[in-house]
């Protein structure tokens, strides 16, 4: 089977296994909505006044949980202060240990090391991962959609591979995809390589802003069964903060889940994109709208969260035993 047939088979598998939503691929059909003047989703008008120095300080690791945390700041800025949206795992650990932040979004693969360094509680995990297939835009007037391309998936040895490998292996197409790190995909994009790149969100969101020659060809969202609930983004908090502020923790969990799914509609995505442009995070409405995924996030808690984290870490340890596991004491069961 040649490469073209393999890629065709792969994309057909995606349509069967993932919830498939076509996205920007150059010439995009109009949505029927006037982006500038059409209806938008209004921001949440808080009943509470600005909480000043009592705001909860939050941060997110780069590429993990960033979009929901940014939207949380837009809609609930009266209650939260976003200290950092693009920190490294080590920086997040230092901010938690120094009490600079109380709550953070981190990747599942960083949880064991973080738990070993400081007293944390895992509040919830995202069990819905959105992957986007990115392709280089053809030169104007040229159609190269049937061109043979190598397929690379980011997230090697992480939860991304846990989701993608399981699905692809079950459908006999695992050999068609090469798993590499996100940094390696970034390098290939910098070099302008004409491949299919499968990236997790919000990495694909950042890629659309950084590499305008590439755009989403498709958005792919994983499904799971009772015995297969992958952990991806983990929301953690300092243990002392959880013990001293039980009501604030419960309020945060309500806020983050509601906001994470508020841009899972075209209208919600439109409002989010408009606000991103106002904040200067994107230069144009068109670019921002293409960047905002509408696939949503599903958070799980308590026993389901514990099972999800432990099973995902088991997989990651099969790839890299140095990652480790976590004790039951780190799970927030409130």
Protein backbone atom coordinates (compact mmCIF):
# COMPACT_ATOMS: atom_id res chain seq x y z
CA UNK A 1 0.00 0.00 0.00
CA UNK A 2 1.49 3.34 -0.95
CA UNK A 3 1.68 6.33 1.40
CA UNK A 4 -1.36 8.03 -0.13
CA UNK A 5 -3.52 4.98 0.47
CA UNK A 6 -2.23 4.71 4.03
CA UNK A 7 -3.07 8.33 4.76
CA UNK A 8 -6.48 7.98 3.11
CA UNK A 9 -7.17 4.92 5.25
CA UNK A 10 -6.00 6.77 8.34
CA UNK A 11 -8.29 9.71 7.76
CA UNK A 12 -11.21 7.37 7.07
CA UNK A 13 -10.50 5.61 10.37
CA UNK A 14 -10.53 8.99 12.10
CA UNK A 15 -14.02 9.65 10.78
CA UNK A 16 -15.23 6.37 12.30
CA UNK A 17 -13.39 6.43 15.61
CA UNK A 18 -13.31 10.12 16.47
CA UNK A 19 -16.03 12.74 16.51
CA UNK A 20 -14.94 14.38 13.25
CA UNK A 21 -15.48 18.05 12.55
CA UNK A 22 -14.09 19.62 9.41
CA UNK A 23 -12.14 22.81 10.03
CA UNK A 24 -10.19 25.40 8.15
CA UNK A 25 -8.33 24.11 5.14
CA UNK A 26 -7.78 27.23 3.07
CA UNK A 27 -11.07 28.00 1.30
CA UNK A 28 -13.61 27.74 4.08
CA UNK A 29 -17.34 27.74 3.53
CA UNK A 30 -18.94 30.79 5.18
CA UNK A 31 -20.74 30.13 8.46
CA UNK A 32 -23.63 32.44 7.63
CA UNK A 33 -22.75 34.59 10.64
CA UNK A 34 -21.48 38.14 10.31
CA UNK A 35 -18.39 37.93 12.46
CA UNK A 36 -18.16 41.64 13.15
CA UNK A 37 -21.82 42.50 13.59
CA UNK A 38 -23.60 39.23 14.27
CA UNK A 39 -24.84 38.02 17.64
CA UNK A 40 -22.20 37.09 20.17
CA UNK A 41 -22.19 35.24 23.45
CA UNK A 42 -22.11 37.96 26.11
CA UNK A 43 -19.55 37.72 28.88
CA UNK A 44 -20.69 36.46 32.25
CA UNK A 45 -21.75 39.38 34.42
CA UNK A 46 -20.55 38.47 37.89
CA UNK A 47 -22.87 38.94 40.81
CA UNK A 48 -19.86 39.21 43.11
CA UNK A 49 -17.74 42.35 43.27
CA UNK A 50 -14.06 42.27 42.46
CA UNK A 51 -12.34 40.31 45.23
CA UNK A 52 -9.11 42.28 45.12
CA UNK A 53 -6.26 40.59 46.97
CA UNK A 54 -8.57 37.68 47.79
CA UNK A 55 -8.59 36.50 44.18
CA UNK A 56 -7.38 32.93 43.65
CA UNK A 57 -4.04 32.87 41.83
CA UNK A 58 -3.90 30.32 39.02
CA UNK A 59 -1.39 29.26 36.35
CA UNK A 60 -1.16 26.77 33.48
CA UNK A 61 1.72 24.86 31.96
CA UNK A 62 2.41 25.89 28.37
CA UNK A 63 0.20 23.90 26.01
CA UNK A 64 -1.88 22.40 28.84
CA UNK A 65 -5.14 23.92 30.05
CA UNK A 66 -4.26 27.31 28.63
CA UNK A 67 -7.45 28.05 26.69
CA UNK A 68 -9.91 27.33 29.55
CA UNK A 69 -7.74 29.32 31.97
CA UNK A 70 -7.60 32.29 29.59
CA UNK A 71 -11.37 32.17 29.16
CA UNK A 72 -11.75 31.84 32.94
CA UNK A 73 -9.83 35.09 33.27
CA UNK A 74 -12.10 36.78 30.69
CA UNK A 75 -15.37 35.74 32.30
CA UNK A 76 -14.43 35.39 35.97
CA UNK A 77 -11.66 37.92 36.37
CA UNK A 78 -13.37 39.21 39.51
CA UNK A 79 -12.45 35.95 41.26
CA UNK A 80 -9.21 34.79 39.59
CA UNK A 81 -5.81 36.18 38.77
CA UNK A 82 -3.93 34.39 35.99
CA UNK A 83 -0.29 34.55 37.05
CA UNK A 84 1.08 32.59 34.10
CA UNK A 85 -0.42 30.80 31.08
CA UNK A 86 2.78 29.51 29.52
CA UNK A 87 4.94 28.23 32.38
CA UNK A 88 7.16 25.16 32.29
CA UNK A 89 6.32 22.26 34.65
CA UNK A 90 9.28 23.24 36.85
CA UNK A 91 8.06 26.84 37.04
CA UNK A 92 4.56 25.70 38.05
CA UNK A 93 6.07 23.49 40.76
CA UNK A 94 8.10 26.43 42.09
CA UNK A 95 5.03 28.71 42.07
CA UNK A 96 3.00 26.15 44.01
CA UNK A 97 5.78 25.57 46.55
CA UNK A 98 6.30 29.31 47.07
CA UNK A 99 2.54 29.99 47.45
CA UNK A 100 2.63 32.26 44.42
CA UNK A 101 -0.31 30.31 42.99
CA UNK A 102 -2.98 28.10 44.53
CA UNK A 103 -4.33 26.21 41.51
CA UNK A 104 -2.67 25.08 38.28
CA UNK A 105 -3.29 23.05 35.13
CA UNK A 106 -0.51 20.56 34.38
CA UNK A 107 0.04 17.54 32.16
CA UNK A 108 -0.60 14.08 33.56
CA UNK A 109 3.02 13.02 32.92
CA UNK A 110 4.25 15.74 35.32
CA UNK A 111 1.97 14.76 38.22
CA UNK A 112 4.19 12.15 40.02
CA UNK A 113 7.22 14.47 40.12
CA UNK A 114 5.06 17.41 41.21
CA UNK A 115 3.46 15.35 43.99
CA UNK A 116 6.90 14.29 45.20
CA UNK A 117 8.07 17.92 45.41
CA UNK A 118 5.11 19.55 47.14
CA UNK A 119 1.80 18.79 48.82
CA UNK A 120 -0.85 18.87 46.08
CA UNK A 121 -4.36 17.58 45.51
CA UNK A 122 -5.64 16.58 42.09
CA UNK A 123 -9.03 18.28 41.85
CA UNK A 124 -10.14 16.99 38.44
CA UNK A 125 -8.79 15.71 35.15
CA UNK A 126 -9.80 16.33 31.59
CA UNK A 127 -10.80 13.06 29.98
CA UNK A 128 -11.51 14.48 26.56
CA UNK A 129 -8.58 15.17 24.29
CA UNK A 130 -8.92 17.10 21.08
CA UNK A 131 -6.38 16.44 18.34
CA UNK A 132 -6.10 18.57 15.23
CA UNK A 133 -4.65 17.44 11.92
CA UNK A 134 -2.60 20.32 10.54
CA UNK A 135 -1.63 20.65 6.88
CA UNK A 136 0.37 23.19 4.92
CA UNK A 137 -1.78 25.47 2.79
CA UNK A 138 -1.21 24.95 -0.97
CA UNK A 139 -0.03 27.87 -3.11
CA UNK A 140 -2.89 30.00 -4.38
CA UNK A 141 -4.64 28.36 -7.32
CA UNK A 142 -2.99 24.99 -6.70
CA UNK A 143 -4.76 21.87 -5.47
CA UNK A 144 -2.40 19.35 -3.89
CA UNK A 145 -4.90 17.67 -1.57
CA UNK A 146 -4.09 14.25 -3.06
CA UNK A 147 -0.36 14.67 -2.51
CA UNK A 148 1.34 11.92 -0.49
CA UNK A 149 2.45 13.13 2.94
CA UNK A 150 4.15 11.63 5.96
CA UNK A 151 2.00 11.67 9.10
CA UNK A 152 3.45 12.70 12.46
CA UNK A 153 1.68 12.82 15.81
CA UNK A 154 3.06 14.90 18.66
CA UNK A 155 3.13 13.92 22.32
CA UNK A 156 5.51 10.96 22.13
CA UNK A 157 5.49 9.05 25.46
CA UNK A 158 2.71 11.26 26.86
CA UNK A 159 -1.05 11.00 27.29
CA UNK A 160 -1.45 12.07 23.66
CA UNK A 161 0.22 8.86 22.56
CA UNK A 162 -1.91 6.94 25.06
CA UNK A 163 -5.06 8.08 23.25
CA UNK A 164 -3.79 8.01 19.67
CA UNK A 165 -1.84 4.76 19.90
CA UNK A 166 -4.73 2.84 21.43
CA UNK A 167 -7.21 3.97 18.80
CA UNK A 168 -4.87 3.54 15.84
CA UNK A 169 -3.61 0.15 16.98
CA UNK A 170 -7.14 -1.16 17.49
CA UNK A 171 -7.90 -0.23 13.88
CA UNK A 172 -4.74 -1.61 12.34
CA UNK A 173 -3.21 1.70 11.27
CA UNK A 174 -0.67 2.33 14.03
CA UNK A 175 2.25 1.81 11.62
CA UNK A 176 1.04 4.72 9.47
CA UNK A 177 1.81 7.34 12.10
CA UNK A 178 5.18 8.32 13.52
CA UNK A 179 5.07 9.60 17.10
CA UNK A 180 7.53 12.40 17.84
CA UNK A 181 7.76 15.16 20.43
CA UNK A 182 5.92 18.46 20.12
CA UNK A 183 9.31 20.18 19.89
CA UNK A 184 10.20 18.04 16.87
CA UNK A 185 6.89 18.95 15.20
CA UNK A 186 7.61 22.62 15.92
CA UNK A 187 10.99 22.27 14.21
CA UNK A 188 9.40 20.63 11.16
CA UNK A 189 6.83 23.44 10.94
CA UNK A 190 9.58 26.05 11.23
CA UNK A 191 11.29 24.34 8.29
CA UNK A 192 8.04 24.40 6.29
CA UNK A 193 7.85 20.63 5.80
CA UNK A 194 4.78 19.51 3.85
CA UNK A 195 3.49 16.77 6.16
CA UNK A 196 0.34 16.00 8.15
CA UNK A 197 0.92 16.99 11.76
CA UNK A 198 -1.45 15.76 14.48
CA UNK A 199 -1.32 18.04 17.50
CA UNK A 200 -3.20 18.16 20.76
CA UNK A 201 -5.18 21.24 21.69
CA UNK A 202 -4.21 23.88 22.60
CA UNK A 203 -0.86 23.18 20.87
CA UNK A 204 -2.68 23.39 17.54
CA UNK A 205 -4.14 26.73 18.63
CA UNK A 206 -0.63 28.10 19.22
CA UNK A 207 0.57 26.62 15.92
CA UNK A 208 -2.09 28.49 13.93
CA UNK A 209 -0.80 31.75 15.36
CA UNK A 210 2.90 30.92 15.00
CA UNK A 211 2.91 29.23 11.58
CA UNK A 212 0.34 30.86 9.27
CA UNK A 213 1.32 28.58 6.36
CA UNK A 214 -0.44 25.72 8.19
CA UNK A 215 -4.11 25.31 9.08
CA UNK A 216 -6.42 22.71 10.56
CA UNK A 217 -7.60 20.09 8.08
CA UNK A 218 -9.72 18.32 10.69
CA UNK A 219 -10.46 18.29 14.40
CA UNK A 220 -10.54 14.88 16.05
CA UNK A 221 -11.91 14.15 19.53
CA UNK A 222 -11.33 10.90 21.37
CA UNK A 223 -14.05 8.65 22.74
CA UNK A 224 -13.65 6.25 25.63
CA UNK A 225 -15.36 3.27 27.21
CA UNK A 226 -16.00 2.32 30.84
CA UNK A 227 -12.59 0.72 31.18
CA UNK A 228 -10.77 3.38 29.15
CA UNK A 229 -10.90 6.92 30.49
CA UNK A 230 -7.61 8.69 29.72
CA UNK A 231 -6.32 11.51 31.90
CA UNK A 232 -4.85 14.43 30.01
CA UNK A 233 -4.91 17.80 31.76
CA UNK A 234 -4.86 17.66 35.56
CA UNK A 235 -6.17 20.50 37.69
CA UNK A 236 -4.17 20.57 40.91
CA UNK A 237 -4.16 22.75 44.02
CA UNK A 238 -1.91 23.18 47.02
CA UNK A 239 -3.00 20.91 49.85
CA UNK A 240 -3.06 23.72 52.41
CA UNK A 241 -5.25 25.83 50.11
CA UNK A 242 -7.74 22.98 49.70
CA UNK A 243 -7.95 22.44 53.46
CA UNK A 244 -8.36 26.15 54.25
CA UNK A 245 -10.70 27.09 51.38
CA UNK A 246 -13.16 24.27 50.69
CA UNK A 247 -15.85 26.58 49.30
CA UNK A 248 -13.39 28.28 46.92
CA UNK A 249 -12.28 24.88 45.60
CA UNK A 250 -15.86 23.81 44.92
CA UNK A 251 -16.61 27.15 43.26
CA UNK A 252 -13.54 26.83 41.04
CA UNK A 253 -14.56 23.35 39.86
CA UNK A 254 -17.98 24.65 38.86
CA UNK A 255 -16.45 27.64 37.06
CA UNK A 256 -13.75 25.78 35.16
CA UNK A 257 -16.03 23.05 33.84
CA UNK A 258 -18.70 25.50 32.74
CA UNK A 259 -16.22 27.81 31.05
CA UNK A 260 -14.24 24.98 29.44
CA UNK A 261 -17.36 24.00 27.55
CA UNK A 262 -18.67 27.52 26.90
CA UNK A 263 -16.70 27.74 23.67
CA UNK A 264 -17.87 24.31 22.49
CA UNK A 265 -20.40 25.98 20.21
CA UNK A 266 -19.92 28.25 17.21
CA UNK A 267 -21.37 31.18 19.14
CA UNK A 268 -19.16 30.55 22.15
CA UNK A 269 -16.09 30.19 19.94
CA UNK A 270 -16.98 33.48 18.25
CA UNK A 271 -17.17 35.35 21.54
CA UNK A 272 -13.91 33.79 22.73
CA UNK A 273 -12.15 34.72 19.49
CA UNK A 274 -13.39 38.32 19.68
CA UNK A 275 -12.15 38.66 23.24
CA UNK A 276 -8.76 37.17 22.31
CA UNK A 277 -8.36 39.86 19.65
CA UNK A 278 -9.36 42.59 22.11
CA UNK A 279 -6.72 41.32 24.53
CA UNK A 280 -4.12 41.35 21.76
CA UNK A 281 -3.56 37.60 21.83
CA UNK A 282 -4.42 37.35 18.11
CA UNK A 283 -4.05 39.98 15.41
CA UNK A 284 -7.34 39.42 13.57
CA UNK A 285 -10.82 38.01 14.10
CA UNK A 286 -10.29 35.51 11.28
CA UNK A 287 -7.07 34.12 12.76
CA UNK A 288 -8.55 33.90 16.26
CA UNK A 289 -11.71 32.14 15.07
CA UNK A 290 -9.67 29.52 13.22
CA UNK A 291 -7.58 28.97 16.33
CA UNK A 292 -10.36 28.43 18.87
CA UNK A 293 -11.38 24.78 19.02
CA UNK A 294 -15.08 24.07 19.51
CA UNK A 295 -14.64 20.53 20.78
CA UNK A 296 -15.00 21.30 24.47
CA UNK A 297 -13.52 19.57 27.49
CA UNK A 298 -14.96 16.97 29.83
CA UNK A 299 -13.68 16.96 33.40
CA UNK A 300 -14.03 13.92 35.65
CA UNK A 301 -13.68 13.86 39.42
CA UNK A 302 -13.41 11.61 42.48
CA UNK A 303 -13.29 7.84 41.86
CA UNK A 304 -13.47 8.19 38.10
CA UNK A 305 -10.60 10.67 38.28
CA UNK A 306 -8.50 8.29 40.39
CA UNK A 307 -9.03 5.43 37.95
CA UNK A 308 -8.28 7.68 35.00
CA UNK A 309 -5.02 9.01 36.45
CA UNK A 310 -3.71 5.65 37.57
CA UNK A 311 -4.50 3.86 34.30
CA UNK A 312 -2.91 6.63 32.24
CA UNK A 313 0.20 6.65 34.43
CA UNK A 314 0.43 2.86 34.03
CA UNK A 315 0.62 3.38 30.28
CA UNK A 316 3.16 6.18 30.55
CA UNK A 317 5.34 4.09 32.86
CA UNK A 318 5.36 1.32 30.26
CA UNK A 319 7.07 3.87 28.00
CA UNK A 320 9.17 5.58 30.65
CA UNK A 321 9.34 3.91 34.11
CA UNK A 322 10.95 7.03 35.57
CA UNK A 323 7.59 8.85 35.48
CA UNK A 324 6.22 6.95 38.49
CA UNK A 325 2.80 6.67 40.14
CA UNK A 326 0.93 8.64 42.82
CA UNK A 327 -0.53 7.76 46.23
CA UNK A 328 -4.26 7.85 46.88
CA UNK A 329 -3.69 10.78 49.27
CA UNK A 330 -3.19 13.22 46.36
CA UNK A 331 -6.76 12.82 45.08
CA UNK A 332 -9.35 15.39 46.14
CA UNK A 333 -12.55 13.53 46.92
CA UNK A 334 -14.62 16.48 48.17
